[in-house]
Amino acid sequence: MGMKALLLASFVLSLAITVANAKVGLAVYHTHNTPSACYGNEDKGSYITGVSKDLWNNRGACGRFYKVTCIGGANKAPHPCKSQSVTVRVTDLCDSCAGDLNLSQEAFNVIADTRAGKVRVRYDPA
């Protein structure tokens, strides 16, 4: 197998693994950062998220990082997505959220217009 073919095969395999790990869901945002279920009053920065019970895994999600990309609106807000992704750290459980991820307002603002309130996202382990 030639070098070009080997590089192409490696790229296709890495792309397939990335797509296989990606999940699609809903994201909302919050305006408070502490205390959190994972870290109490310890500040973990501006780009954080709470996760739904399905992702929580009995605190197993604490400290996990996700790369989050807006893929569409979840309500009547026209074209809420921005062209950027954001990487967030899981710091909290959000058992009453209307989404899979409860992003900090700062993180949500990177990927979408906050006036939308809720958006469809793709989130990949980072």
N, C-alpha and C. Protein backbone atom coordinates (compact mmCIF):
# COMPACT_ATOMS: atom_id res chain seq x y z
N MET A 1 0.85 -1.18 0.00
CA MET A 1 0.00 0.00 0.00
C MET A 1 0.89 1.23 0.00
N GLY A 2 0.58 2.18 -0.89
CA GLY A 2 1.37 3.40 -1.00
C GLY A 2 1.12 4.33 0.18
N MET A 3 2.01 5.28 0.34
CA MET A 3 1.92 6.23 1.46
C MET A 3 0.64 7.05 1.38
N LYS A 4 0.25 7.49 0.18
CA LYS A 4 -0.98 8.28 0.04
C LYS A 4 -2.20 7.46 0.43
N ALA A 5 -2.24 6.21 0.00
CA ALA A 5 -3.37 5.33 0.33
C ALA A 5 -3.43 5.08 1.84
N LEU A 6 -2.28 4.90 2.47
CA LEU A 6 -2.23 4.68 3.91
C LEU A 6 -2.70 5.92 4.67
N LEU A 7 -2.29 7.10 4.25
CA LEU A 7 -2.74 8.34 4.88
C LEU A 7 -4.24 8.53 4.71
N LEU A 8 -4.75 8.23 3.51
CA LEU A 8 -6.18 8.36 3.27
C LEU A 8 -6.97 7.39 4.14
N ALA A 9 -6.50 6.16 4.25
CA ALA A 9 -7.17 5.16 5.10
C ALA A 9 -7.16 5.59 6.55
N SER A 10 -6.06 6.15 7.02
CA SER A 10 -5.97 6.63 8.40
C SER A 10 -6.94 7.78 8.65
N PHE A 11 -7.03 8.69 7.68
CA PHE A 11 -7.95 9.82 7.81
C PHE A 11 -9.40 9.34 7.86
N VAL A 12 -9.76 8.44 6.98
CA VAL A 12 -11.13 7.92 6.94
C VAL A 12 -11.47 7.20 8.24
N LEU A 13 -10.55 6.42 8.77
CA LEU A 13 -10.77 5.71 10.02
C LEU A 13 -10.94 6.70 11.18
N SER A 14 -10.10 7.72 11.26
CA SER A 14 -10.23 8.70 12.35
C SER A 14 -11.53 9.48 12.23
N LEU A 15 -11.96 9.79 11.02
CA LEU A 15 -13.23 10.47 10.81
C LEU A 15 -14.39 9.59 11.25
N ALA A 16 -14.34 8.31 10.93
CA ALA A 16 -15.39 7.38 11.31
C ALA A 16 -15.48 7.24 12.83
N ILE A 17 -14.35 7.21 13.51
CA ILE A 17 -14.34 7.11 14.97
C ILE A 17 -14.93 8.38 15.58
N THR A 18 -14.56 9.54 15.04
CA THR A 18 -15.09 10.81 15.55
C THR A 18 -16.60 10.86 15.38
N VAL A 19 -17.11 10.50 14.22
CA VAL A 19 -18.55 10.53 13.97
C VAL A 19 -19.26 9.52 14.85
N ALA A 20 -18.65 8.37 15.08
CA ALA A 20 -19.27 7.34 15.92
C ALA A 20 -19.42 7.81 17.36
N ASN A 21 -18.52 8.64 17.86
CA ASN A 21 -18.57 9.13 19.23
C ASN A 21 -19.46 10.36 19.38
N ALA A 22 -19.80 11.01 18.28
CA ALA A 22 -20.62 12.23 18.35
C ALA A 22 -22.05 11.88 18.74
N LYS A 23 -22.65 12.76 19.53
CA LYS A 23 -24.04 12.61 19.92
C LYS A 23 -24.78 13.88 19.52
N VAL A 24 -26.07 13.74 19.30
CA VAL A 24 -26.90 14.88 18.95
C VAL A 24 -27.94 15.03 20.05
N GLY A 25 -28.18 16.27 20.47
CA GLY A 25 -29.15 16.52 21.52
C GLY A 25 -29.52 17.99 21.58
N LEU A 26 -30.01 18.40 22.73
CA LEU A 26 -30.43 19.79 22.94
C LEU A 26 -29.55 20.45 23.99
N ALA A 27 -29.32 21.74 23.80
CA ALA A 27 -28.56 22.52 24.79
C ALA A 27 -29.36 23.75 25.17
N VAL A 28 -29.32 24.06 26.46
CA VAL A 28 -29.88 25.28 27.02
C VAL A 28 -28.72 25.97 27.75
N TYR A 29 -28.99 27.07 28.45
CA TYR A 29 -27.90 27.69 29.20
C TYR A 29 -28.37 28.19 30.56
N HIS A 30 -27.39 28.41 31.42
CA HIS A 30 -27.65 28.92 32.77
C HIS A 30 -26.73 30.11 33.04
N THR A 31 -27.03 30.83 34.10
CA THR A 31 -26.24 32.03 34.42
C THR A 31 -25.49 31.93 35.74
N HIS A 32 -25.57 30.79 36.40
CA HIS A 32 -24.82 30.62 37.66
C HIS A 32 -23.78 29.52 37.47
N ASN A 33 -22.62 29.66 38.08
CA ASN A 33 -21.54 28.69 37.88
C ASN A 33 -21.23 27.87 39.13
N THR A 34 -21.49 28.39 40.31
CA THR A 34 -21.20 27.66 41.53
C THR A 34 -22.35 27.84 42.51
N PRO A 35 -22.54 26.94 43.43
CA PRO A 35 -21.81 25.68 43.56
C PRO A 35 -22.25 24.67 42.52
N SER A 36 -21.40 23.68 42.29
CA SER A 36 -21.71 22.63 41.33
C SER A 36 -21.66 21.27 42.03
N ALA A 37 -22.34 20.30 41.47
CA ALA A 37 -22.37 18.95 42.06
C ALA A 37 -21.01 18.28 42.01
N CYS A 38 -20.18 18.65 41.06
CA CYS A 38 -18.87 18.02 40.92
C CYS A 38 -17.79 18.69 41.77
N TYR A 39 -17.82 20.01 41.85
CA TYR A 39 -16.70 20.75 42.43
C TYR A 39 -17.07 21.70 43.55
N GLY A 40 -18.32 21.68 44.00
CA GLY A 40 -18.73 22.59 45.06
C GLY A 40 -18.55 24.03 44.64
N ASN A 41 -17.83 24.82 45.44
CA ASN A 41 -17.61 26.24 45.14
C ASN A 41 -16.34 26.51 44.35
N GLU A 42 -15.64 25.47 43.92
CA GLU A 42 -14.41 25.63 43.15
C GLU A 42 -14.73 26.12 41.75
N ASP A 43 -14.12 27.22 41.34
CA ASP A 43 -14.35 27.81 40.03
C ASP A 43 -13.63 27.00 38.96
N LYS A 44 -14.37 26.54 37.96
CA LYS A 44 -13.78 25.77 36.87
C LYS A 44 -13.82 26.55 35.55
N GLY A 45 -13.93 27.87 35.64
CA GLY A 45 -13.88 28.70 34.45
C GLY A 45 -15.24 29.01 33.87
N SER A 46 -15.23 29.64 32.72
CA SER A 46 -16.46 30.11 32.09
C SER A 46 -17.10 29.09 31.16
N TYR A 47 -16.31 28.18 30.61
CA TYR A 47 -16.83 27.24 29.62
C TYR A 47 -17.11 25.90 30.29
N ILE A 48 -18.29 25.83 30.91
CA ILE A 48 -18.70 24.65 31.68
C ILE A 48 -20.11 24.24 31.28
N THR A 49 -20.49 23.04 31.73
CA THR A 49 -21.84 22.56 31.44
C THR A 49 -22.33 21.63 32.54
N GLY A 50 -23.62 21.65 32.72
CA GLY A 50 -24.30 20.60 33.47
C GLY A 50 -24.78 19.58 32.45
N VAL A 51 -25.02 18.36 32.89
CA VAL A 51 -25.49 17.32 31.98
C VAL A 51 -26.77 16.69 32.51
N SER A 52 -27.51 16.09 31.60
CA SER A 52 -28.75 15.41 31.96
C SER A 52 -28.46 14.13 32.75
N LYS A 53 -29.49 13.58 33.35
CA LYS A 53 -29.33 12.32 34.10
C LYS A 53 -28.77 11.22 33.22
N ASP A 54 -29.15 11.21 31.94
CA ASP A 54 -28.66 10.17 31.02
C ASP A 54 -27.15 10.23 30.84
N LEU A 55 -26.56 11.41 30.92
CA LEU A 55 -25.11 11.56 30.75
C LEU A 55 -24.36 11.57 32.08
N TRP A 56 -25.07 11.76 33.18
CA TRP A 56 -24.47 11.97 34.49
C TRP A 56 -23.64 10.78 34.96
N ASN A 57 -24.13 9.58 34.82
CA ASN A 57 -23.41 8.35 35.18
C ASN A 57 -22.91 8.37 36.63
N ASN A 58 -23.81 8.73 37.55
CA ASN A 58 -23.48 8.74 38.98
C ASN A 58 -22.16 9.47 39.26
N ARG A 59 -22.05 10.68 38.77
CA ARG A 59 -20.87 11.55 38.89
C ARG A 59 -19.72 11.14 37.99
N GLY A 60 -19.89 10.10 37.20
CA GLY A 60 -18.83 9.67 36.29
C GLY A 60 -18.54 10.69 35.20
N ALA A 61 -19.49 11.58 34.95
CA ALA A 61 -19.31 12.61 33.92
C ALA A 61 -18.48 13.79 34.41
N CYS A 62 -18.29 13.92 35.71
CA CYS A 62 -17.53 15.06 36.26
C CYS A 62 -16.15 15.15 35.62
N GLY A 63 -15.82 16.34 35.14
CA GLY A 63 -14.50 16.58 34.55
C GLY A 63 -14.39 16.20 33.09
N ARG A 64 -15.38 15.52 32.55
CA ARG A 64 -15.35 15.14 31.14
C ARG A 64 -15.48 16.41 30.29
N PHE A 65 -14.82 16.41 29.14
CA PHE A 65 -14.89 17.54 28.22
C PHE A 65 -15.67 17.14 26.97
N TYR A 66 -16.46 18.09 26.47
CA TYR A 66 -17.19 17.91 25.22
C TYR A 66 -16.94 19.10 24.31
N LYS A 67 -16.77 18.81 23.03
CA LYS A 67 -16.74 19.85 22.00
C LYS A 67 -18.17 19.96 21.50
N VAL A 68 -18.77 21.14 21.61
CA VAL A 68 -20.18 21.35 21.31
C VAL A 68 -20.33 22.28 20.11
N THR A 69 -21.16 21.85 19.17
CA THR A 69 -21.43 22.63 17.96
C THR A 69 -22.94 22.74 17.77
N CYS A 70 -23.42 23.95 17.55
CA CYS A 70 -24.83 24.17 17.26
C CYS A 70 -25.12 23.67 15.84
N ILE A 71 -26.20 22.88 15.69
CA ILE A 71 -26.56 22.36 14.37
C ILE A 71 -27.95 22.82 13.92
N GLY A 72 -28.67 23.55 14.77
CA GLY A 72 -29.97 24.05 14.35
C GLY A 72 -30.80 24.56 15.51
N GLY A 73 -31.86 25.24 15.17
CA GLY A 73 -32.76 25.77 16.17
C GLY A 73 -33.64 24.69 16.77
N ALA A 74 -34.10 24.93 17.99
CA ALA A 74 -34.99 24.00 18.67
C ALA A 74 -36.34 24.65 18.97
N ASN A 75 -36.50 25.88 18.54
CA ASN A 75 -37.76 26.59 18.72
C ASN A 75 -37.93 27.54 17.55
N LYS A 76 -38.65 28.60 17.71
CA LYS A 76 -38.96 29.49 16.59
C LYS A 76 -37.90 30.54 16.29
N ALA A 77 -36.81 30.55 17.04
CA ALA A 77 -35.75 31.53 16.79
C ALA A 77 -35.11 31.24 15.43
N PRO A 78 -35.13 32.19 14.50
CA PRO A 78 -34.57 31.93 13.17
C PRO A 78 -33.04 31.95 13.18
N HIS A 79 -32.43 30.92 12.65
CA HIS A 79 -30.98 30.84 12.46
C HIS A 79 -30.16 31.20 13.70
N PRO A 80 -30.31 30.45 14.78
CA PRO A 80 -29.61 30.81 16.01
C PRO A 80 -28.13 30.44 16.03
N CYS A 81 -27.71 29.53 15.18
CA CYS A 81 -26.34 29.00 15.26
C CYS A 81 -25.30 29.99 14.77
N LYS A 82 -24.15 29.94 15.45
CA LYS A 82 -22.96 30.65 15.01
C LYS A 82 -22.02 29.60 14.42
N SER A 83 -20.98 30.03 13.76
CA SER A 83 -20.12 29.10 13.02
C SER A 83 -18.98 28.53 13.86
N GLN A 84 -19.02 28.69 15.17
CA GLN A 84 -17.94 28.22 16.04
C GLN A 84 -18.40 27.04 16.90
N SER A 85 -17.44 26.30 17.40
CA SER A 85 -17.68 25.27 18.41
C SER A 85 -17.04 25.74 19.71
N VAL A 86 -17.42 25.08 20.81
CA VAL A 86 -16.83 25.42 22.10
C VAL A 86 -16.56 24.12 22.85
N THR A 87 -15.47 24.09 23.60
CA THR A 87 -15.17 22.93 24.44
C THR A 87 -15.53 23.29 25.88
N VAL A 88 -16.33 22.42 26.51
CA VAL A 88 -16.81 22.66 27.87
C VAL A 88 -16.45 21.50 28.78
N ARG A 89 -16.34 21.81 30.07
CA ARG A 89 -16.07 20.80 31.10
C ARG A 89 -17.37 20.53 31.86
N VAL A 90 -17.65 19.26 32.12
CA VAL A 90 -18.83 18.90 32.92
C VAL A 90 -18.54 19.22 34.38
N THR A 91 -19.41 20.04 34.98
CA THR A 91 -19.25 20.42 36.38
C THR A 91 -20.49 20.13 37.22
N ASP A 92 -21.60 19.76 36.57
CA ASP A 92 -22.84 19.69 37.32
C ASP A 92 -23.84 18.72 36.70
N LEU A 93 -24.79 18.31 37.51
CA LEU A 93 -25.96 17.55 37.08
C LEU A 93 -27.08 18.55 36.85
N CYS A 94 -27.81 18.36 35.79
CA CYS A 94 -28.97 19.20 35.53
C CYS A 94 -30.16 18.28 35.33
N ASP A 95 -30.78 17.90 36.45
CA ASP A 95 -31.87 16.93 36.36
C ASP A 95 -33.20 17.54 35.97
N SER A 96 -33.27 18.86 35.90
CA SER A 96 -34.52 19.50 35.50
C SER A 96 -34.37 20.30 34.20
N CYS A 97 -33.31 20.05 33.45
CA CYS A 97 -33.06 20.79 32.21
C CYS A 97 -33.99 20.33 31.10
N ALA A 98 -34.14 21.23 30.14
CA ALA A 98 -34.90 20.91 28.93
C ALA A 98 -33.93 20.50 27.83
N GLY A 99 -32.81 19.91 28.22
CA GLY A 99 -31.81 19.53 27.23
C GLY A 99 -30.83 18.53 27.79
N ASP A 100 -29.92 18.09 26.94
CA ASP A 100 -28.86 17.17 27.36
C ASP A 100 -27.73 17.92 28.05
N LEU A 101 -27.48 19.14 27.57
CA LEU A 101 -26.42 19.97 28.11
C LEU A 101 -27.01 21.29 28.60
N ASN A 102 -26.56 21.73 29.77
CA ASN A 102 -26.95 23.03 30.31
C ASN A 102 -25.68 23.87 30.36
N LEU A 103 -25.37 24.49 29.24
CA LEU A 103 -24.13 25.24 29.08
C LEU A 103 -24.14 26.52 29.90
N SER A 104 -22.94 26.97 30.28
CA SER A 104 -22.85 28.31 30.85
C SER A 104 -23.28 29.29 29.76
N GLN A 105 -23.75 30.45 30.17
CA GLN A 105 -24.18 31.46 29.19
C GLN A 105 -23.02 31.82 28.27
N GLU A 106 -21.81 31.90 28.82
CA GLU A 106 -20.63 32.24 28.02
C GLU A 106 -20.38 31.19 26.93
N ALA A 107 -20.50 29.93 27.28
CA ALA A 107 -20.28 28.85 26.30
C ALA A 107 -21.39 28.84 25.25
N PHE A 108 -22.63 28.99 25.68
CA PHE A 108 -23.76 29.01 24.75
C PHE A 108 -23.60 30.15 23.75
N ASN A 109 -23.15 31.31 24.24
CA ASN A 109 -22.99 32.48 23.38
C ASN A 109 -21.94 32.27 22.29
N VAL A 110 -20.99 31.37 22.51
CA VAL A 110 -19.99 31.08 21.48
C VAL A 110 -20.63 30.36 20.30
N ILE A 111 -21.59 29.47 20.59
CA ILE A 111 -22.16 28.63 19.52
C ILE A 111 -23.50 29.11 18.98
N ALA A 112 -24.22 29.94 19.76
CA ALA A 112 -25.56 30.34 19.34
C ALA A 112 -25.97 31.66 19.97
N ASP A 113 -26.99 32.25 19.38
CA ASP A 113 -27.59 33.47 19.91
C ASP A 113 -28.34 33.10 21.19
N THR A 114 -28.02 33.75 22.30
CA THR A 114 -28.67 33.40 23.57
C THR A 114 -30.17 33.67 23.56
N ARG A 115 -30.63 34.52 22.65
CA ARG A 115 -32.08 34.77 22.56
C ARG A 115 -32.84 33.52 22.14
N ALA A 116 -32.16 32.56 21.53
CA ALA A 116 -32.81 31.31 21.13
C ALA A 116 -33.21 30.49 22.35
N GLY A 117 -32.38 30.54 23.41
CA GLY A 117 -32.70 29.81 24.64
C GLY A 117 -32.39 28.33 24.60
N LYS A 118 -32.69 27.68 23.49
CA LYS A 118 -32.45 26.24 23.34
C LYS A 118 -32.11 25.97 21.88
N VAL A 119 -31.08 25.13 21.66
CA VAL A 119 -30.67 24.78 20.30
C VAL A 119 -30.34 23.30 20.21
N ARG A 120 -30.37 22.79 18.99
CA ARG A 120 -29.92 21.43 18.72
C ARG A 120 -28.40 21.47 18.58
N VAL A 121 -27.72 20.50 19.18
CA VAL A 121 -26.25 20.48 19.15
C VAL A 121 -25.73 19.09 18.84
N ARG A 122 -24.50 19.09 18.36
CA ARG A 122 -23.70 17.87 18.27
C ARG A 122 -22.62 18.03 19.33
N TYR A 123 -22.43 17.01 20.15
CA TYR A 123 -21.39 17.09 21.17
C TYR A 123 -20.54 15.84 21.11
N ASP A 124 -19.24 16.08 21.05
CA ASP A 124 -18.24 15.03 20.90
C ASP A 124 -17.31 15.04 22.10
N PRO A 125 -16.91 13.87 22.59
CA PRO A 125 -15.89 13.86 23.64
C PRO A 125 -14.64 14.60 23.15
N ALA A 126 -14.09 15.44 23.99
CA ALA A 126 -12.91 16.22 23.58
C ALA A 126 -11.69 15.75 24.33
